[in-house]
């Protein structure tokens, strides 16, 4: 396994779904904003589909993408 796979698995093992109480799994999630879609590996509940967006992603990369799309 690659280092990123091990890191992703370690991150998912630390989180449980607040609704279902089951461990989150890392999978591809499509993030959409203003008609544009981006595939991202995020932790997701295998039962209800709730996705955990880390604060650093929400305030960092996603905020940059939002600003870029809004400026177009």
PDB file of N, CA and C in Angstrom:
ATOM      1  N   UNK A   1       0.835  -1.191   0.000  1.00  0.00           N
ATOM      2  CA  UNK A   1       0.000   0.000   0.000  1.00  0.00           C
ATOM      3  C   UNK A   1       0.875   1.247   0.000  1.00  0.00           C
ATOM      4  N   UNK A   2       0.386   2.265  -0.659  1.00  0.00           N
ATOM      5  CA  UNK A   2       1.150   3.509  -0.676  1.00  0.00           C
ATOM      6  C   UNK A   2       0.986   4.247   0.642  1.00  0.00           C
ATOM      7  N   UNK A   3       1.845   5.234   0.848  1.00  0.00           N
ATOM      8  CA  UNK A   3       1.805   6.023   2.079  1.00  0.00           C
ATOM      9  C   UNK A   3       0.471   6.755   2.202  1.00  0.00           C
ATOM     10  N   UNK A   4      -0.056   7.278   1.070  1.00  0.00           N
ATOM     11  CA  UNK A   4      -1.329   8.001   1.139  1.00  0.00           C
ATOM     12  C   UNK A   4      -2.478   7.059   1.488  1.00  0.00           C
ATOM     13  N   UNK A   5      -2.418   5.805   1.012  1.00  0.00           N
ATOM     14  CA  UNK A   5      -3.450   4.827   1.368  1.00  0.00           C
ATOM     15  C   UNK A   5      -3.418   4.541   2.866  1.00  0.00           C
ATOM     16  N   UNK A   6      -2.220   4.390   3.414  1.00  0.00           N
ATOM     17  CA  UNK A   6      -2.092   4.114   4.839  1.00  0.00           C
ATOM     18  C   UNK A   6      -2.562   5.306   5.662  1.00  0.00           C
ATOM     19  N   UNK A   7      -2.229   6.515   5.220  1.00  0.00           N
ATOM     20  CA  UNK A   7      -2.656   7.718   5.928  1.00  0.00           C
ATOM     21  C   UNK A   7      -4.173   7.841   5.887  1.00  0.00           C
ATOM     22  N   UNK A   8      -4.767   7.603   4.721  1.00  0.00           N
ATOM     23  CA  UNK A   8      -6.220   7.692   4.585  1.00  0.00           C
ATOM     24  C   UNK A   8      -6.921   6.673   5.475  1.00  0.00           C
ATOM     25  N   UNK A   9      -6.390   5.455   5.516  1.00  0.00           N
ATOM     26  CA  UNK A   9      -6.999   4.426   6.358  1.00  0.00           C
ATOM     27  C   UNK A   9      -6.859   4.783   7.830  1.00  0.00           C
ATOM     28  N   UNK A  10      -5.728   5.351   8.213  1.00  0.00           N
ATOM     29  CA  UNK A  10      -5.529   5.749   9.608  1.00  0.00           C
ATOM     30  C   UNK A  10      -6.496   6.865   9.981  1.00  0.00           C
ATOM     31  N   UNK A  11      -6.718   7.808   9.065  1.00  0.00           N
ATOM     32  CA  UNK A  11      -7.640   8.904   9.337  1.00  0.00           C
ATOM     33  C   UNK A  11      -9.070   8.396   9.471  1.00  0.00           C
ATOM     34  N   UNK A  12      -9.481   7.453   8.612  1.00  0.00           N
ATOM     35  CA  UNK A  12     -10.852   6.967   8.669  1.00  0.00           C
ATOM     36  C   UNK A  12     -11.097   6.163   9.947  1.00  0.00           C
ATOM     37  N   UNK A  13     -10.057   5.468  10.455  1.00  0.00           N
ATOM     38  CA  UNK A  13     -10.214   4.660  11.657  1.00  0.00           C
ATOM     39  C   UNK A  13     -10.481   5.531  12.887  1.00  0.00           C
ATOM     40  N   UNK A  14     -10.149   6.811  12.816  1.00  0.00           N
ATOM     41  CA  UNK A  14     -10.308   7.703  13.950  1.00  0.00           C
ATOM     42  C   UNK A  14     -11.723   8.289  14.038  1.00  0.00           C
ATOM     43  N   UNK A  15     -12.521   8.136  13.016  1.00  0.00           N
ATOM     44  CA  UNK A  15     -13.823   8.802  12.972  1.00  0.00           C
ATOM     45  C   UNK A  15     -14.974   7.814  12.869  1.00  0.00           C
ATOM     46  N   UNK A  16     -16.070   8.143  13.553  1.00  0.00           N
ATOM     47  CA  UNK A  16     -17.306   7.367  13.463  1.00  0.00           C
ATOM     48  C   UNK A  16     -18.410   8.296  12.994  1.00  0.00           C
ATOM     49  N   UNK A  17     -19.402   7.756  12.343  1.00  0.00           N
ATOM     50  CA  UNK A  17     -20.558   8.528  11.911  1.00  0.00           C
ATOM     51  C   UNK A  17     -21.349   8.972  13.142  1.00  0.00           C
ATOM     52  N   UNK A  18     -21.641  10.258  13.225  1.00  0.00           N
ATOM     53  CA  UNK A  18     -22.404  10.787  14.364  1.00  0.00           C
ATOM     54  C   UNK A  18     -23.828  10.233  14.379  1.00  0.00           C
ATOM     55  N   UNK A  19     -24.356   9.906  13.221  1.00  0.00           N
ATOM     56  CA  UNK A  19     -25.729   9.413  13.108  1.00  0.00           C
ATOM     57  C   UNK A  19     -25.810   7.897  13.361  1.00  0.00           C
ATOM     58  N   UNK A  20     -24.916   7.142  12.714  1.00  0.00           N
ATOM     59  CA  UNK A  20     -25.004   5.678  12.749  1.00  0.00           C
ATOM     60  C   UNK A  20     -24.072   5.024  13.775  1.00  0.00           C
ATOM     61  N   UNK A  21     -23.006   5.722  14.156  1.00  0.00           N
ATOM     62  CA  UNK A  21     -22.050   5.160  15.109  1.00  0.00           C
ATOM     63  C   UNK A  21     -21.118   4.115  14.526  1.00  0.00           C
ATOM     64  N   UNK A  22     -21.034   4.038  13.187  1.00  0.00           N
ATOM     65  CA  UNK A  22     -20.137   3.072  12.543  1.00  0.00           C
ATOM     66  C   UNK A  22     -18.886   3.796  12.044  1.00  0.00           C
ATOM     67  N   UNK A  23     -17.764   3.087  11.931  1.00  0.00           N
ATOM     68  CA  UNK A  23     -16.534   3.716  11.440  1.00  0.00           C
ATOM     69  C   UNK A  23     -16.699   4.218  10.003  1.00  0.00           C
ATOM     70  N   UNK A  24     -16.104   5.391   9.736  1.00  0.00           N
ATOM     71  CA  UNK A  24     -16.130   5.943   8.389  1.00  0.00           C
ATOM     72  C   UNK A  24     -15.094   5.231   7.532  1.00  0.00           C
ATOM     73  N   UNK A  25     -15.347   5.165   6.231  1.00  0.00           N
ATOM     74  CA  UNK A  25     -14.407   4.566   5.284  1.00  0.00           C
ATOM     75  C   UNK A  25     -13.997   5.631   4.274  1.00  0.00           C
ATOM     76  N   UNK A  26     -12.769   5.521   3.771  1.00  0.00           N
ATOM     77  CA  UNK A  26     -12.277   6.460   2.772  1.00  0.00           C
ATOM     78  C   UNK A  26     -12.751   5.995   1.399  1.00  0.00           C
ATOM     79  N   UNK A  27     -13.362   6.917   0.646  1.00  0.00           N
ATOM     80  CA  UNK A  27     -13.796   6.597  -0.711  1.00  0.00           C
ATOM     81  C   UNK A  27     -13.841   7.874  -1.542  1.00  0.00           C
ATOM     82  N   UNK A  28     -13.973   7.710  -2.869  1.00  0.00           N
ATOM     83  CA  UNK A  28     -14.091   8.849  -3.769  1.00  0.00           C
ATOM     84  C   UNK A  28     -15.463   9.479  -3.589  1.00  0.00           C
ATOM     85  N   UNK A  29     -15.467  10.798  -3.394  1.00  0.00           N
ATOM     86  CA  UNK A  29     -16.699  11.566  -3.256  1.00  0.00           C
ATOM     87  C   UNK A  29     -16.631  12.688  -4.279  1.00  0.00           C
ATOM     88  N   UNK A  30     -17.726  12.947  -4.978  1.00  0.00           N
ATOM     89  CA  UNK A  30     -17.765  14.045  -5.935  1.00  0.00           C
ATOM     90  C   UNK A  30     -18.244  15.293  -5.229  1.00  0.00           C
ATOM     91  N   UNK A  31     -17.394  16.319  -5.232  1.00  0.00           N
ATOM     92  CA  UNK A  31     -17.716  17.598  -4.625  1.00  0.00           C
ATOM     93  C   UNK A  31     -18.155  18.522  -5.753  1.00  0.00           C
ATOM     94  N   UNK A  32     -19.328  19.138  -5.614  1.00  0.00           N
ATOM     95  CA  UNK A  32     -19.842  20.021  -6.653  1.00  0.00           C
ATOM     96  C   UNK A  32     -20.027  21.434  -6.119  1.00  0.00           C
ATOM     97  N   UNK A  33     -19.719  22.418  -6.991  1.00  0.00           N
ATOM     98  CA  UNK A  33     -19.922  23.819  -6.638  1.00  0.00           C
ATOM     99  C   UNK A  33     -20.100  24.619  -7.921  1.00  0.00           C
ATOM    100  N   UNK A  34     -21.165  25.365  -8.005  1.00  0.00           N
ATOM    101  CA  UNK A  34     -21.473  26.206  -9.163  1.00  0.00           C
ATOM    102  C   UNK A  34     -21.346  25.458 -10.482  1.00  0.00           C
ATOM    103  N   UNK A  35     -21.854  24.236 -10.522  1.00  0.00           N
ATOM    104  CA  UNK A  35     -21.870  23.454 -11.751  1.00  0.00           C
ATOM    105  C   UNK A  35     -20.590  22.710 -12.072  1.00  0.00           C
ATOM    106  N   UNK A  36     -19.567  22.856 -11.273  1.00  0.00           N
ATOM    107  CA  UNK A  36     -18.317  22.131 -11.492  1.00  0.00           C
ATOM    108  C   UNK A  36     -18.201  21.021 -10.455  1.00  0.00           C
ATOM    109  N   UNK A  37     -17.667  19.870 -10.867  1.00  0.00           N
ATOM    110  CA  UNK A  37     -17.548  18.716  -9.972  1.00  0.00           C
ATOM    111  C   UNK A  37     -16.101  18.251  -9.902  1.00  0.00           C
ATOM    112  N   UNK A  38     -15.682  17.837  -8.695  1.00  0.00           N
ATOM    113  CA  UNK A  38     -14.322  17.393  -8.455  1.00  0.00           C
ATOM    114  C   UNK A  38     -14.335  16.128  -7.613  1.00  0.00           C
ATOM    115  N   UNK A  39     -13.630  15.063  -8.058  1.00  0.00           N
ATOM    116  CA  UNK A  39     -13.536  13.858  -7.226  1.00  0.00           C
ATOM    117  C   UNK A  39     -12.492  14.048  -6.131  1.00  0.00           C
ATOM    118  N   UNK A  40     -12.860  13.687  -4.901  1.00  0.00           N
ATOM    119  CA  UNK A  40     -11.958  13.837  -3.747  1.00  0.00           C
ATOM    120  C   UNK A  40     -12.090  12.594  -2.876  1.00  0.00           C
ATOM    121  N   UNK A  41     -10.977  12.117  -2.311  1.00  0.00           N
ATOM    122  CA  UNK A  41     -11.014  11.007  -1.349  1.00  0.00           C
ATOM    123  C   UNK A  41     -11.354  11.587   0.023  1.00  0.00           C
ATOM    124  N   UNK A  42     -12.501  11.195   0.564  1.00  0.00           N
ATOM    125  CA  UNK A  42     -12.940  11.668   1.869  1.00  0.00           C
ATOM    126  C   UNK A  42     -13.505  10.514   2.683  1.00  0.00           C
ATOM    127  N   UNK A  43     -13.623  10.714   3.993  1.00  0.00           N
ATOM    128  CA  UNK A  43     -14.230   9.716   4.874  1.00  0.00           C
ATOM    129  C   UNK A  43     -15.746   9.802   4.746  1.00  0.00           C
ATOM    130  N   UNK A  44     -16.384   8.649   4.603  1.00  0.00           N
ATOM    131  CA  UNK A  44     -17.824   8.586   4.365  1.00  0.00           C
ATOM    132  C   UNK A  44     -18.429   7.434   5.162  1.00  0.00           C
ATOM    133  N   UNK A  45     -19.644   7.639   5.662  1.00  0.00           N
ATOM    134  CA  UNK A  45     -20.342   6.570   6.368  1.00  0.00           C
ATOM    135  C   UNK A  45     -20.843   5.541   5.354  1.00  0.00           C
ATOM    136  N   UNK A  46     -20.518   4.266   5.549  1.00  0.00           N
ATOM    137  CA  UNK A  46     -20.972   3.240   4.610  1.00  0.00           C
ATOM    138  C   UNK A  46     -22.479   2.954   4.707  1.00  0.00           C
ATOM    139  N   UNK A  47     -23.122   3.412   5.796  1.00  0.00           N
ATOM    140  CA  UNK A  47     -24.555   3.162   5.957  1.00  0.00           C
ATOM    141  C   UNK A  47     -25.414   4.304   5.425  1.00  0.00           C
ATOM    142  N   UNK A  48     -25.182   5.529   5.918  1.00  0.00           N
ATOM    143  CA  UNK A  48     -26.066   6.639   5.544  1.00  0.00           C
ATOM    144  C   UNK A  48     -25.473   7.568   4.490  1.00  0.00           C
ATOM    145  N   UNK A  49     -24.166   7.453   4.229  1.00  0.00           N
ATOM    146  CA  UNK A  49     -23.535   8.270   3.201  1.00  0.00           C
ATOM    147  C   UNK A  49     -23.041   9.629   3.676  1.00  0.00           C
ATOM    148  N   UNK A  50     -23.153   9.928   4.975  1.00  0.00           N
ATOM    149  CA  UNK A  50     -22.664  11.188   5.515  1.00  0.00           C
ATOM    150  C   UNK A  50     -21.158  11.289   5.257  1.00  0.00           C
ATOM    151  N   UNK A  51     -20.713  12.457   4.764  1.00  0.00           N
ATOM    152  CA  UNK A  51     -19.304  12.662   4.419  1.00  0.00           C
ATOM    153  C   UNK A  51     -18.674  13.627   5.412  1.00  0.00           C
ATOM    154  N   UNK A  52     -17.466  13.311   5.860  1.00  0.00           N
ATOM    155  CA  UNK A  52     -16.707  14.194   6.735  1.00  0.00           C
ATOM    156  C   UNK A  52     -15.748  14.997   5.875  1.00  0.00           C
ATOM    157  N   UNK A  53     -15.912  16.330   5.902  1.00  0.00           N
ATOM    158  CA  UNK A  53     -14.999  17.223   5.189  1.00  0.00           C
ATOM    159  C   UNK A  53     -14.064  17.834   6.232  1.00  0.00           C
ATOM    160  N   UNK A  54     -12.779  17.514   6.177  1.00  0.00           N
ATOM    161  CA  UNK A  54     -11.840  18.062   7.152  1.00  0.00           C
ATOM    162  C   UNK A  54     -11.786  19.587   7.072  1.00  0.00           C
ATOM    163  N   UNK A  55     -11.591  20.225   8.211  1.00  0.00           N
ATOM    164  CA  UNK A  55     -11.560  21.688   8.272  1.00  0.00           C
ATOM    165  C   UNK A  55     -10.511  22.268   7.333  1.00  0.00           C
ATOM    166  N   UNK A  56      -9.333  21.655   7.279  1.00  0.00           N
ATOM    167  CA  UNK A  56      -8.275  22.186   6.420  1.00  0.00           C
ATOM    168  C   UNK A  56      -8.660  22.147   4.942  1.00  0.00           C
ATOM    169  N   UNK A  57      -9.446  21.165   4.538  1.00  0.00           N
ATOM    170  CA  UNK A  57      -9.921  21.099   3.154  1.00  0.00           C
ATOM    171  C   UNK A  57     -11.004  22.142   2.914  1.00  0.00           C
ATOM    172  N   UNK A  58     -11.937  22.252   3.840  1.00  0.00           N
ATOM    173  CA  UNK A  58     -13.045  23.200   3.684  1.00  0.00           C
ATOM    174  C   UNK A  58     -12.561  24.641   3.675  1.00  0.00           C
ATOM    175  N   UNK A  59     -11.609  24.964   4.539  1.00  0.00           N
ATOM    176  CA  UNK A  59     -11.133  26.345   4.641  1.00  0.00           C
ATOM    177  C   UNK A  59      -9.952  26.630   3.723  1.00  0.00           C
ATOM    178  N   UNK A  60      -9.338  25.584   3.196  1.00  0.00           N
ATOM    179  CA  UNK A  60      -8.168  25.747   2.338  1.00  0.00           C
ATOM    180  C   UNK A  60      -8.508  25.568   0.879  1.00  0.00           C
ATOM    181  N   UNK A  61      -8.330  24.360   0.387  1.00  0.00           N
ATOM    182  CA  UNK A  61      -8.483  24.073  -1.044  1.00  0.00           C
ATOM    183  C   UNK A  61      -9.886  24.358  -1.545  1.00  0.00           C
ATOM    184  N   UNK A  62     -10.922  23.958  -0.801  1.00  0.00           N
ATOM    185  CA  UNK A  62     -12.292  24.186  -1.272  1.00  0.00           C
ATOM    186  C   UNK A  62     -12.604  25.675  -1.331  1.00  0.00           C
ATOM    187  N   UNK A  63     -12.118  26.440  -0.379  1.00  0.00           N
ATOM    188  CA  UNK A  63     -12.337  27.887  -0.385  1.00  0.00           C
ATOM    189  C   UNK A  63     -11.657  28.519  -1.600  1.00  0.00           C
ATOM    190  N   UNK A  64     -10.453  28.026  -1.956  1.00  0.00           N
ATOM    191  CA  UNK A  64      -9.744  28.527  -3.140  1.00  0.00           C
ATOM    192  C   UNK A  64     -10.533  28.229  -4.411  1.00  0.00           C
ATOM    193  N   UNK A  65     -11.047  27.014  -4.530  1.00  0.00           N
ATOM    194  CA  UNK A  65     -11.829  26.624  -5.708  1.00  0.00           C
ATOM    195  C   UNK A  65     -13.094  27.470  -5.806  1.00  0.00           C
ATOM    196  N   UNK A  66     -13.792  27.670  -4.677  1.00  0.00           N
ATOM    197  CA  UNK A  66     -14.992  28.494  -4.677  1.00  0.00           C
ATOM    198  C   UNK A  66     -14.683  29.908  -5.168  1.00  0.00           C
ATOM    199  N   UNK A  67     -13.609  30.486  -4.667  1.00  0.00           N
ATOM    200  CA  UNK A  67     -13.243  31.852  -5.057  1.00  0.00           C
ATOM    201  C   UNK A  67     -12.920  31.913  -6.560  1.00  0.00           C
ATOM    202  N   UNK A  68     -12.174  30.924  -7.040  1.00  0.00           N
ATOM    203  CA  UNK A  68     -11.817  30.866  -8.474  1.00  0.00           C
ATOM    204  C   UNK A  68     -13.070  30.778  -9.344  1.00  0.00           C
ATOM    205  N   UNK A  69     -14.009  29.911  -8.971  1.00  0.00           N
ATOM    206  CA  UNK A  69     -15.237  29.749  -9.750  1.00  0.00           C
ATOM    207  C   UNK A  69     -16.118  30.993  -9.691  1.00  0.00           C
ATOM    208  N   UNK A  70     -16.175  31.638  -8.534  1.00  0.00           N
ATOM    209  CA  UNK A  70     -16.997  32.838  -8.398  1.00  0.00           C
ATOM    210  C   UNK A  70     -16.428  34.009  -9.188  1.00  0.00           C
ATOM    211  N   UNK A  71     -15.101  34.036  -9.356  1.00  0.00           N
ATOM    212  CA  UNK A  71     -14.453  35.128 -10.079  1.00  0.00           C
ATOM    213  C   UNK A  71     -14.607  34.999 -11.589  1.00  0.00           C
ATOM    214  N   UNK A  72     -15.020  33.838 -12.080  1.00  0.00           N
ATOM    215  CA  UNK A  72     -15.174  33.623 -13.534  1.00  0.00           C
ATOM    216  C   UNK A  72     -16.352  34.395 -14.078  1.00  0.00           C
TER     217      UNK A  72
END
